[in-house]
Amino acid sequence: MTVRTPPRARSSAFSFRRLRPDDARVLTRFLVREPAMNAFFLGQVARDALADEAVAGHLVACFEGDRIVAAVCLGSTLVLSHLEAGTSRAEVLAIFAELSRRSGWLVKVVVGPDAIVPDFIAALGLAADGVMLSREGQLLFEVDRASIMKDARSMALRPAVPHELDTLVAVDLDMVQEELGLDPFTDRAAYRRGWARRIAEWRSWVVGPVGGPIAFKVDQAAVAPEVVQLAGVYTAPAFRKQGLAHHALGEMCHLLLREVRRVCLYVHPSNEAAIRLYRGLGFYEVGRVGSRWLKS
């Protein structure tokens, strides 16, 4: 399906359209220029989201000739890719914002490179009080086979099992409340379905006895041949300051780095304990991510 480009873009060097399955190669060629920043998109390509918009939303690219210079996922979580150097930021983001308004999606969260998220929010025409929570300057970290701490291993890390769904949902909500100070998940049914799918796909890993308390968890938010993005790294309060996260997260990275070249995640700069943990495991900074939670 072709996206109808707003009139002001028709005299531009850019064109915009919904991506199709046969665009996977040209899209991947663009995304791997910044694989950690574009991990979400690479994960969607791996999940065949180009063939089924129900997976994540509408995937739209900005083309200059036959070359992609920017991409956006239009959905309840709106994700922006990096912009190729020399691309007109104002023009591209204005079109992405207009396409978002026309898409019919109620956007709850905007995520993307920290430098462009504020301009996109402005292009959406949101007033200052339209943003419920702003997370600026989040550190995008990456670890690879050469940098990972070799002795950070743990035999206790295991994939979560389906009957732990309720426990994991409760632990994840505790983590979000602690980190953000609010509960952004208004659609509990969709939230549970997402967690059930993550468990079924072996993308949620934990430390703790089956049927017992979960001491530590880590989730694979995006999985692609080029990169895996981790999220939801959390140690329950009773198990902190024991070295558990160092060994369990290290084990997760070691397992993943057998298959992919890099593992990434991002963290707010105020979370000093997490930053020490990641740097101690061999993660290094490769960019900055911005997030905005919008009011309904």
C-alpha atoms as a PDB file:
ATOM      1  CA  MET A   1       0.000   0.000   0.000  1.00  0.00           C
ATOM      2  CA  THR A   2       1.395   3.394  -0.974  1.00  0.00           C
ATOM      3  CA  VAL A   3       1.256   6.177   1.598  1.00  0.00           C
ATOM      4  CA  ARG A   4      -0.299   9.316   0.130  1.00  0.00           C
ATOM      5  CA  THR A   5       2.400  11.907   0.588  1.00  0.00           C
ATOM      6  CA  PRO A   6       1.142  15.253   1.919  1.00  0.00           C
ATOM      7  CA  PRO A   7       1.132  17.972  -0.759  1.00  0.00           C
ATOM      8  CA  ARG A   8       4.081  19.940   0.591  1.00  0.00           C
ATOM      9  CA  ALA A   9       6.417  16.950   0.116  1.00  0.00           C
ATOM     10  CA  ARG A  10       5.674  16.361  -3.565  1.00  0.00           C
ATOM     11  CA  SER A  11       8.244  18.872  -4.803  1.00  0.00           C
ATOM     12  CA  SER A  12      10.869  17.405  -2.489  1.00  0.00           C
ATOM     13  CA  ALA A  13      13.681  15.018  -3.364  1.00  0.00           C
ATOM     14  CA  PHE A  14      12.098  12.603  -0.882  1.00  0.00           C
ATOM     15  CA  SER A  15       9.304  10.092  -1.306  1.00  0.00           C
ATOM     16  CA  PHE A  16       7.476   8.229   1.449  1.00  0.00           C
ATOM     17  CA  ARG A  17       5.705   4.886   1.320  1.00  0.00           C
ATOM     18  CA  ARG A  18       4.636   1.902   3.354  1.00  0.00           C
ATOM     19  CA  LEU A  19       7.257  -0.827   3.223  1.00  0.00           C
ATOM     20  CA  ARG A  20       6.580  -4.230   1.664  1.00  0.00           C
ATOM     21  CA  PRO A  21       8.193  -7.651   2.214  1.00  0.00           C
ATOM     22  CA  ASP A  22      10.364  -7.155  -0.873  1.00  0.00           C
ATOM     23  CA  ASP A  23      11.830  -4.029   0.742  1.00  0.00           C
ATOM     24  CA  ALA A  24      13.518  -6.107   3.457  1.00  0.00           C
ATOM     25  CA  ARG A  25      16.949  -6.036   1.830  1.00  0.00           C
ATOM     26  CA  VAL A  26      17.108  -2.285   1.173  1.00  0.00           C
ATOM     27  CA  LEU A  27      15.673  -1.562   4.627  1.00  0.00           C
ATOM     28  CA  THR A  28      18.213  -3.818   6.341  1.00  0.00           C
ATOM     29  CA  ARG A  29      21.038  -2.202   4.387  1.00  0.00           C
ATOM     30  CA  PHE A  30      19.944   1.152   5.847  1.00  0.00           C
ATOM     31  CA  LEU A  31      19.350  -0.126   9.385  1.00  0.00           C
ATOM     32  CA  VAL A  32      22.695  -1.879   9.861  1.00  0.00           C
ATOM     33  CA  ARG A  33      24.508   1.442   9.551  1.00  0.00           C
ATOM     34  CA  GLU A  34      23.438   1.986  13.176  1.00  0.00           C
ATOM     35  CA  PRO A  35      22.338  -1.463  14.376  1.00  0.00           C
ATOM     36  CA  ALA A  36      22.000  -0.661  18.078  1.00  0.00           C
ATOM     37  CA  MET A  37      19.910   2.461  17.448  1.00  0.00           C
ATOM     38  CA  ASN A  38      17.794   0.565  14.911  1.00  0.00           C
ATOM     39  CA  ALA A  39      17.461  -2.686  16.871  1.00  0.00           C
ATOM     40  CA  PHE A  40      13.679  -2.345  17.080  1.00  0.00           C
ATOM     41  CA  PHE A  41      13.363  -2.149  13.289  1.00  0.00           C
ATOM     42  CA  LEU A  42      15.798  -4.998  12.681  1.00  0.00           C
ATOM     43  CA  GLY A  43      13.737  -7.087  15.092  1.00  0.00           C
ATOM     44  CA  GLN A  44      10.558  -6.270  13.154  1.00  0.00           C
ATOM     45  CA  VAL A  45      12.186  -7.312   9.883  1.00  0.00           C
ATOM     46  CA  ALA A  46      13.180 -10.611  11.521  1.00  0.00           C
ATOM     47  CA  ARG A  47       9.558 -11.081  12.700  1.00  0.00           C
ATOM     48  CA  ASP A  48       8.176 -10.553   9.167  1.00  0.00           C
ATOM     49  CA  ALA A  49       6.417  -7.366  10.243  1.00  0.00           C
ATOM     50  CA  LEU A  50       6.735  -6.102   6.662  1.00  0.00           C
ATOM     51  CA  ALA A  51       4.191  -8.751   5.674  1.00  0.00           C
ATOM     52  CA  ASP A  52       1.801  -8.189   8.594  1.00  0.00           C
ATOM     53  CA  GLU A  53       1.187  -4.708  10.002  1.00  0.00           C
ATOM     54  CA  ALA A  54      -0.600  -6.248  13.004  1.00  0.00           C
ATOM     55  CA  VAL A  55       2.817  -7.269  14.355  1.00  0.00           C
ATOM     56  CA  ALA A  56       3.982  -3.734  15.176  1.00  0.00           C
ATOM     57  CA  GLY A  57       2.133  -1.148  13.100  1.00  0.00           C
ATOM     58  CA  HIS A  58       2.794   0.582   9.783  1.00  0.00           C
ATOM     59  CA  LEU A  59       6.451   0.595   8.735  1.00  0.00           C
ATOM     60  CA  VAL A  60       7.096   3.615   6.516  1.00  0.00           C
ATOM     61  CA  ALA A  61      10.362   4.773   4.954  1.00  0.00           C
ATOM     62  CA  CYS A  62      11.632   8.009   3.503  1.00  0.00           C
ATOM     63  CA  PHE A  63      13.424   7.381   0.213  1.00  0.00           C
ATOM     64  CA  GLU A  64      15.880   9.543  -1.643  1.00  0.00           C
ATOM     65  CA  GLY A  65      15.823   7.900  -5.041  1.00  0.00           C
ATOM     66  CA  ASP A  66      16.019   4.181  -4.330  1.00  0.00           C
ATOM     67  CA  ARG A  67      17.906   4.714  -1.055  1.00  0.00           C
ATOM     68  CA  ILE A  68      16.217   4.769   2.382  1.00  0.00           C
ATOM     69  CA  VAL A  69      17.340   7.698   4.537  1.00  0.00           C
ATOM     70  CA  ALA A  70      14.872   7.390   7.457  1.00  0.00           C
ATOM     71  CA  ALA A  71      12.143   5.083   8.737  1.00  0.00           C
ATOM     72  CA  VAL A  72       9.299   5.188  11.226  1.00  0.00           C
ATOM     73  CA  CYS A  73       7.033   2.609  12.814  1.00  0.00           C
ATOM     74  CA  LEU A  74       3.558   4.109  13.152  1.00  0.00           C
ATOM     75  CA  GLY A  75       1.770   2.419  16.025  1.00  0.00           C
ATOM     76  CA  SER A  76       0.788   2.916  19.649  1.00  0.00           C
ATOM     77  CA  THR A  77       4.533   2.864  20.238  1.00  0.00           C
ATOM     78  CA  LEU A  78       5.966   5.129  17.552  1.00  0.00           C
ATOM     79  CA  VAL A  79       9.625   4.446  16.831  1.00  0.00           C
ATOM     80  CA  LEU A  80      11.967   6.616  14.777  1.00  0.00           C
ATOM     81  CA  SER A  81      15.123   5.339  13.116  1.00  0.00           C
ATOM     82  CA  HIS A  82      18.291   7.342  12.739  1.00  0.00           C
ATOM     83  CA  LEU A  83      18.363   9.878   9.887  1.00  0.00           C
ATOM     84  CA  GLU A  84      21.095   9.612   7.308  1.00  0.00           C
ATOM     85  CA  ALA A  85      23.583  12.482   7.437  1.00  0.00           C
ATOM     86  CA  GLY A  86      22.529  15.395   5.270  1.00  0.00           C
ATOM     87  CA  THR A  87      18.827  14.492   5.371  1.00  0.00           C
ATOM     88  CA  SER A  88      16.473  17.423   6.006  1.00  0.00           C
ATOM     89  CA  ARG A  89      15.366  16.670   9.557  1.00  0.00           C
ATOM     90  CA  ALA A  90      12.547  19.218   9.627  1.00  0.00           C
ATOM     91  CA  GLU A  91      11.023  18.040   6.363  1.00  0.00           C
ATOM     92  CA  VAL A  92      11.192  14.328   7.123  1.00  0.00           C
ATOM     93  CA  LEU A  93       9.862  14.636  10.665  1.00  0.00           C
ATOM     94  CA  ALA A  94       7.023  16.912   9.523  1.00  0.00           C
ATOM     95  CA  ILE A  95       5.894  14.249   7.047  1.00  0.00           C
ATOM     96  CA  PHE A  96       6.270  11.441   9.604  1.00  0.00           C
ATOM     97  CA  ALA A  97       4.174  13.479  12.058  1.00  0.00           C
ATOM     98  CA  GLU A  98       1.446  14.059   9.478  1.00  0.00           C
ATOM     99  CA  LEU A  99       1.422  10.382   8.525  1.00  0.00           C
ATOM    100  CA  SER A 100       1.091   9.497  12.205  1.00  0.00           C
ATOM    101  CA  ARG A 101      -1.946  11.763  12.556  1.00  0.00           C
ATOM    102  CA  ARG A 102      -3.523  10.196   9.451  1.00  0.00           C
ATOM    103  CA  SER A 103      -2.731   6.604  10.455  1.00  0.00           C
ATOM    104  CA  GLY A 104      -5.470   6.353  13.078  1.00  0.00           C
ATOM    105  CA  TRP A 105      -3.106   5.010  15.735  1.00  0.00           C
ATOM    106  CA  LEU A 106      -3.373   6.490  19.219  1.00  0.00           C
ATOM    107  CA  VAL A 107       0.300   7.099  19.990  1.00  0.00           C
ATOM    108  CA  LYS A 108       1.213   6.409  23.613  1.00  0.00           C
ATOM    109  CA  VAL A 109       5.019   6.412  23.434  1.00  0.00           C
ATOM    110  CA  VAL A 110       7.546   7.983  21.060  1.00  0.00           C
ATOM    111  CA  VAL A 111      11.069   6.520  20.994  1.00  0.00           C
ATOM    112  CA  GLY A 112      14.036   7.400  18.823  1.00  0.00           C
ATOM    113  CA  PRO A 113      17.430   9.079  18.628  1.00  0.00           C
ATOM    114  CA  ASP A 114      17.597  11.644  21.412  1.00  0.00           C
ATOM    115  CA  ALA A 115      18.531  14.492  19.074  1.00  0.00           C
ATOM    116  CA  ILE A 116      15.416  14.162  16.896  1.00  0.00           C
ATOM    117  CA  VAL A 117      12.640  13.180  19.317  1.00  0.00           C
ATOM    118  CA  PRO A 118      12.005  16.776  20.512  1.00  0.00           C
ATOM    119  CA  ASP A 119      11.672  17.963  16.907  1.00  0.00           C
ATOM    120  CA  PHE A 120       9.228  15.157  16.160  1.00  0.00           C
ATOM    121  CA  ILE A 121       7.119  16.023  19.219  1.00  0.00           C
ATOM    122  CA  ALA A 122       7.055  19.632  18.000  1.00  0.00           C
ATOM    123  CA  ALA A 123       6.046  18.475  14.517  1.00  0.00           C
ATOM    124  CA  LEU A 124       3.141  16.573  16.063  1.00  0.00           C
ATOM    125  CA  GLY A 125       1.916  19.915  17.380  1.00  0.00           C
ATOM    126  CA  LEU A 126       1.733  18.769  21.000  1.00  0.00           C
ATOM    127  CA  ALA A 127       1.613  21.375  23.710  1.00  0.00           C
ATOM    128  CA  ALA A 128       4.051  21.021  26.594  1.00  0.00           C
ATOM    129  CA  ASP A 129       1.330  19.535  28.782  1.00  0.00           C
ATOM    130  CA  GLY A 130       0.663  16.837  26.158  1.00  0.00           C
ATOM    131  CA  VAL A 131       3.734  14.915  27.338  1.00  0.00           C
ATOM    132  CA  MET A 132       3.174  12.860  30.471  1.00  0.00           C
ATOM    133  CA  LEU A 133       6.792  11.766  30.939  1.00  0.00           C
ATOM    134  CA  SER A 134      10.008  12.759  29.193  1.00  0.00           C
ATOM    135  CA  ARG A 135      13.133  10.568  29.292  1.00  0.00           C
ATOM    136  CA  GLU A 136      15.967  12.469  27.654  1.00  0.00           C
ATOM    137  CA  GLY A 137      19.580  11.541  27.023  1.00  0.00           C
ATOM    138  CA  GLN A 138      19.268   7.833  27.758  1.00  0.00           C
ATOM    139  CA  LEU A 139      22.592   6.093  27.188  1.00  0.00           C
ATOM    140  CA  LEU A 140      22.562   3.515  24.395  1.00  0.00           C
ATOM    141  CA  PHE A 141      25.047   0.814  25.336  1.00  0.00           C
ATOM    142  CA  GLU A 142      26.464  -2.050  23.298  1.00  0.00           C
ATOM    143  CA  VAL A 143      28.594  -5.053  24.182  1.00  0.00           C
ATOM    144  CA  ASP A 144      30.367  -7.424  21.806  1.00  0.00           C
ATOM    145  CA  ARG A 145      32.392 -10.617  21.916  1.00  0.00           C
ATOM    146  CA  ALA A 146      35.655  -8.762  22.500  1.00  0.00           C
ATOM    147  CA  SER A 147      34.402  -6.463  25.278  1.00  0.00           C
ATOM    148  CA  ILE A 148      32.161  -8.798  27.335  1.00  0.00           C
ATOM    149  CA  MET A 149      33.551  -9.667  30.770  1.00  0.00           C
ATOM    150  CA  LYS A 150      34.637 -13.276  30.428  1.00  0.00           C
ATOM    151  CA  ASP A 151      33.932 -14.421  34.002  1.00  0.00           C
ATOM    152  CA  ALA A 152      30.396 -12.981  34.175  1.00  0.00           C
ATOM    153  CA  ARG A 153      28.554 -16.304  33.993  1.00  0.00           C
ATOM    154  CA  SER A 154      25.667 -17.897  35.872  1.00  0.00           C
ATOM    155  CA  MET A 155      24.174 -21.387  35.785  1.00  0.00           C
ATOM    156  CA  ALA A 156      21.074 -20.016  37.542  1.00  0.00           C
ATOM    157  CA  LEU A 157      19.747 -18.044  34.556  1.00  0.00           C
ATOM    158  CA  ARG A 158      16.902 -19.825  32.750  1.00  0.00           C
ATOM    159  CA  PRO A 159      14.027 -19.036  30.393  1.00  0.00           C
ATOM    160  CA  ALA A 160      10.757 -18.202  32.123  1.00  0.00           C
ATOM    161  CA  VAL A 161       7.958 -20.762  31.810  1.00  0.00           C
ATOM    162  CA  PRO A 162       4.291 -20.102  30.929  1.00  0.00           C
ATOM    163  CA  HIS A 163       2.816 -20.599  34.396  1.00  0.00           C
ATOM    164  CA  GLU A 164       5.077 -17.788  35.679  1.00  0.00           C
ATOM    165  CA  LEU A 165       3.130 -15.242  33.625  1.00  0.00           C
ATOM    166  CA  ASP A 166       1.318 -13.648  36.579  1.00  0.00           C
ATOM    167  CA  THR A 167       4.500 -13.445  38.636  1.00  0.00           C
ATOM    168  CA  LEU A 168       6.456 -11.843  35.775  1.00  0.00           C
ATOM    169  CA  VAL A 169       3.711  -9.311  35.082  1.00  0.00           C
ATOM    170  CA  ALA A 170       3.724  -8.319  38.765  1.00  0.00           C
ATOM    171  CA  VAL A 171       7.532  -8.048  38.851  1.00  0.00           C
ATOM    172  CA  ASP A 172       7.586  -6.007  35.646  1.00  0.00           C
ATOM    173  CA  LEU A 173       4.986  -3.595  37.026  1.00  0.00           C
ATOM    174  CA  ASP A 174       7.077  -3.202  40.183  1.00  0.00           C
ATOM    175  CA  MET A 175      10.097  -2.388  38.009  1.00  0.00           C
ATOM    176  CA  VAL A 176       8.205   0.181  35.924  1.00  0.00           C
ATOM    177  CA  GLN A 177       6.750   1.873  38.989  1.00  0.00           C
ATOM    178  CA  GLU A 178      10.197   2.065  40.583  1.00  0.00           C
ATOM    179  CA  GLU A 179      11.869   3.436  37.453  1.00  0.00           C
ATOM    180  CA  LEU A 180       9.173   5.716  36.018  1.00  0.00           C
ATOM    181  CA  GLY A 181       7.018   6.503  39.038  1.00  0.00           C
ATOM    182  CA  LEU A 182       3.854   5.703  37.083  1.00  0.00           C
ATOM    183  CA  ASP A 183       1.972   2.842  35.453  1.00  0.00           C
ATOM    184  CA  PRO A 184       1.718   3.525  31.694  1.00  0.00           C
ATOM    185  CA  PHE A 185      -0.033   0.255  30.816  1.00  0.00           C
ATOM    186  CA  THR A 186      -3.714   1.133  30.503  1.00  0.00           C
ATOM    187  CA  ASP A 187      -4.571  -1.921  28.377  1.00  0.00           C
ATOM    188  CA  ARG A 188      -3.858  -4.772  30.798  1.00  0.00           C
ATOM    189  CA  ALA A 189      -5.118  -7.472  28.430  1.00  0.00           C
ATOM    190  CA  ALA A 190      -2.710  -6.415  25.668  1.00  0.00           C
ATOM    191  CA  TYR A 191       0.077  -6.115  28.233  1.00  0.00           C
ATOM    192  CA  ARG A 192      -0.496  -9.709  29.400  1.00  0.00           C
ATOM    193  CA  ARG A 193      -0.688 -10.980  25.826  1.00  0.00           C
ATOM    194  CA  GLY A 194       2.659  -9.372  25.094  1.00  0.00           C
ATOM    195  CA  TRP A 195       4.215 -11.035  28.105  1.00  0.00           C
ATOM    196  CA  ALA A 196       2.704 -14.413  27.226  1.00  0.00           C
ATOM    197  CA  ARG A 197       4.187 -14.142  23.730  1.00  0.00           C
ATOM    198  CA  ARG A 198       7.580 -13.136  25.115  1.00  0.00           C
ATOM    199  CA  ILE A 199       7.628 -16.170  27.427  1.00  0.00           C
ATOM    200  CA  ALA A 200       6.537 -18.520  24.632  1.00  0.00           C
ATOM    201  CA  GLU A 201       9.336 -17.208  22.411  1.00  0.00           C
ATOM    202  CA  TRP A 202      11.986 -17.694  25.143  1.00  0.00           C
ATOM    203  CA  ARG A 203      12.638 -13.950  25.274  1.00  0.00           C
ATOM    204  CA  SER A 204      12.136 -13.617  29.034  1.00  0.00           C
ATOM    205  CA  TRP A 205      14.883 -15.009  31.275  1.00  0.00           C
ATOM    206  CA  VAL A 206      14.932 -15.189  35.053  1.00  0.00           C
ATOM    207  CA  VAL A 207      16.827 -16.312  38.128  1.00  0.00           C
ATOM    208  CA  GLY A 208      14.782 -18.068  40.796  1.00  0.00           C
ATOM    209  CA  PRO A 209      13.175 -21.469  41.410  1.00  0.00           C
ATOM    210  CA  VAL A 210      10.247 -22.432  39.203  1.00  0.00           C
ATOM    211  CA  GLY A 211       7.155 -21.553  41.210  1.00  0.00           C
ATOM    212  CA  GLY A 212       9.191 -19.467  43.650  1.00  0.00           C
ATOM    213  CA  PRO A 213      10.152 -15.791  43.846  1.00  0.00           C
ATOM    214  CA  ILE A 214      11.923 -14.229  40.871  1.00  0.00           C
ATOM    215  CA  ALA A 215      15.212 -12.727  42.011  1.00  0.00           C
ATOM    216  CA  PHE A 216      16.296 -11.309  38.641  1.00  0.00           C
ATOM    217  CA  LYS A 217      14.847 -10.894  35.162  1.00  0.00           C
ATOM    218  CA  VAL A 218      15.966  -9.686  31.746  1.00  0.00           C
ATOM    219  CA  ASP A 219      13.944  -9.517  28.529  1.00  0.00           C
ATOM    220  CA  GLN A 220      14.913  -9.672  24.873  1.00  0.00           C
ATOM    221  CA  ALA A 221      12.941  -6.731  23.475  1.00  0.00           C
ATOM    222  CA  ALA A 222      14.166  -7.082  19.870  1.00  0.00           C
ATOM    223  CA  VAL A 223      15.880 -10.060  18.288  1.00  0.00           C
ATOM    224  CA  ALA A 224      17.569  -9.986  14.878  1.00  0.00           C
ATOM    225  CA  PRO A 225      20.564 -11.663  13.249  1.00  0.00           C
ATOM    226  CA  GLU A 226      22.507  -8.394  13.545  1.00  0.00           C
ATOM    227  CA  VAL A 227      21.681  -7.405  17.151  1.00  0.00           C
ATOM    228  CA  VAL A 228      19.615  -8.258  20.222  1.00  0.00           C
ATOM    229  CA  GLN A 229      18.229  -5.440  22.338  1.00  0.00           C
ATOM    230  CA  LEU A 230      17.709  -6.182  26.022  1.00  0.00           C
ATOM    231  CA  ALA A 231      15.204  -4.469  28.301  1.00  0.00           C
ATOM    232  CA  GLY A 232      13.585  -4.937  31.681  1.00  0.00           C
ATOM    233  CA  VAL A 233      16.812  -5.660  33.550  1.00  0.00           C
ATOM    234  CA  TYR A 234      15.651  -5.894  37.158  1.00  0.00           C
ATOM    235  CA  THR A 235      16.845  -7.349  40.445  1.00  0.00           C
ATOM    236  CA  ALA A 236      14.267  -7.721  43.203  1.00  0.00           C
ATOM    237  CA  PRO A 237      15.144  -5.511  46.202  1.00  0.00           C
ATOM    238  CA  ALA A 238      15.829  -8.446  48.538  1.00  0.00           C
ATOM    239  CA  PHE A 239      18.510  -9.807  46.181  1.00  0.00           C
ATOM    240  CA  ARG A 240      20.459  -6.643  45.394  1.00  0.00           C
ATOM    241  CA  LYS A 241      24.129  -5.924  46.135  1.00  0.00           C
ATOM    242  CA  GLN A 242      25.034  -9.624  45.913  1.00  0.00           C
ATOM    243  CA  GLY A 243      26.568  -9.650  42.412  1.00  0.00           C
ATOM    244  CA  LEU A 244      23.512 -11.449  41.025  1.00  0.00           C
ATOM    245  CA  ALA A 245      22.833  -9.039  38.153  1.00  0.00           C
ATOM    246  CA  HIS A 246      26.489  -8.994  37.080  1.00  0.00           C
ATOM    247  CA  HIS A 247      26.612 -12.758  36.605  1.00  0.00           C
ATOM    248  CA  ALA A 248      23.055 -13.294  35.311  1.00  0.00           C
ATOM    249  CA  LEU A 249      23.118 -10.449  32.780  1.00  0.00           C
ATOM    250  CA  GLY A 250      26.622 -11.497  31.752  1.00  0.00           C
ATOM    251  CA  GLU A 251      25.337 -15.021  31.146  1.00  0.00           C
ATOM    252  CA  MET A 252      22.523 -13.664  28.972  1.00  0.00           C
ATOM    253  CA  CYS A 253      25.026 -11.696  26.903  1.00  0.00           C
ATOM    254  CA  HIS A 254      27.398 -14.641  26.550  1.00  0.00           C
ATOM    255  CA  LEU A 255      24.555 -16.857  25.305  1.00  0.00           C
ATOM    256  CA  LEU A 256      23.380 -14.268  22.792  1.00  0.00           C
ATOM    257  CA  LEU A 257      26.861 -13.383  21.549  1.00  0.00           C
ATOM    258  CA  ARG A 258      27.267 -16.935  20.326  1.00  0.00           C
ATOM    259  CA  GLU A 259      24.711 -16.051  17.639  1.00  0.00           C
ATOM    260  CA  VAL A 260      24.917 -12.265  17.131  1.00  0.00           C
ATOM    261  CA  ARG A 261      27.769  -9.744  16.953  1.00  0.00           C
ATOM    262  CA  ARG A 262      26.359  -7.266  19.471  1.00  0.00           C
ATOM    263  CA  VAL A 263      23.885  -6.909  22.331  1.00  0.00           C
ATOM    264  CA  CYS A 264      22.495  -3.509  23.240  1.00  0.00           C
ATOM    265  CA  LEU A 265      20.263  -1.753  25.757  1.00  0.00           C
ATOM    266  CA  TYR A 266      19.612   1.775  26.956  1.00  0.00           C
ATOM    267  CA  VAL A 267      19.464   3.301  30.415  1.00  0.00           C
ATOM    268  CA  HIS A 268      18.587   6.655  31.937  1.00  0.00           C
ATOM    269  CA  PRO A 269      21.685   8.669  32.959  1.00  0.00           C
ATOM    270  CA  SER A 270      20.356   9.024  36.516  1.00  0.00           C
ATOM    271  CA  ASN A 271      20.491   5.249  37.067  1.00  0.00           C
ATOM    272  CA  GLU A 272      24.069   5.181  38.283  1.00  0.00           C
ATOM    273  CA  ALA A 273      23.908   1.641  39.684  1.00  0.00           C
ATOM    274  CA  ALA A 274      22.757   0.234  36.335  1.00  0.00           C
ATOM    275  CA  ILE A 275      25.412   2.203  34.450  1.00  0.00           C
ATOM    276  CA  ARG A 276      28.117   0.781  36.730  1.00  0.00           C
ATOM    277  CA  LEU A 277      26.712  -2.702  36.123  1.00  0.00           C
ATOM    278  CA  TYR A 278      26.720  -2.336  32.344  1.00  0.00           C
ATOM    279  CA  ARG A 279      30.152  -0.745  32.132  1.00  0.00           C
ATOM    280  CA  GLY A 280      31.507  -3.425  34.454  1.00  0.00           C
ATOM    281  CA  LEU A 281      30.266  -6.079  32.024  1.00  0.00           C
ATOM    282  CA  GLY A 282      31.983  -4.432  29.058  1.00  0.00           C
ATOM    283  CA  PHE A 283      29.161  -2.333  27.611  1.00  0.00           C
ATOM    284  CA  TYR A 284      30.208   0.923  25.956  1.00  0.00           C
ATOM    285  CA  GLU A 285      28.174   3.912  24.795  1.00  0.00           C
ATOM    286  CA  VAL A 286      27.207   4.149  21.111  1.00  0.00           C
ATOM    287  CA  GLY A 287      24.438   6.775  21.173  1.00  0.00           C
ATOM    288  CA  ARG A 288      21.592   8.459  23.060  1.00  0.00           C
ATOM    289  CA  VAL A 289      17.897   7.552  23.032  1.00  0.00           C
ATOM    290  CA  GLY A 290      14.931   9.778  23.844  1.00  0.00           C
ATOM    291  CA  SER A 291      11.471   8.625  24.968  1.00  0.00           C
ATOM    292  CA  ARG A 292       8.225  10.516  25.521  1.00  0.00           C
ATOM    293  CA  TRP A 293       5.050   9.094  27.097  1.00  0.00           C
ATOM    294  CA  LEU A 294       2.090  11.034  25.771  1.00  0.00           C
ATOM    295  CA  LYS A 295      -1.204  11.819  27.441  1.00  0.00           C
ATOM    296  CA  SER A 296      -4.209  10.155  25.824  1.00  0.00           C
END
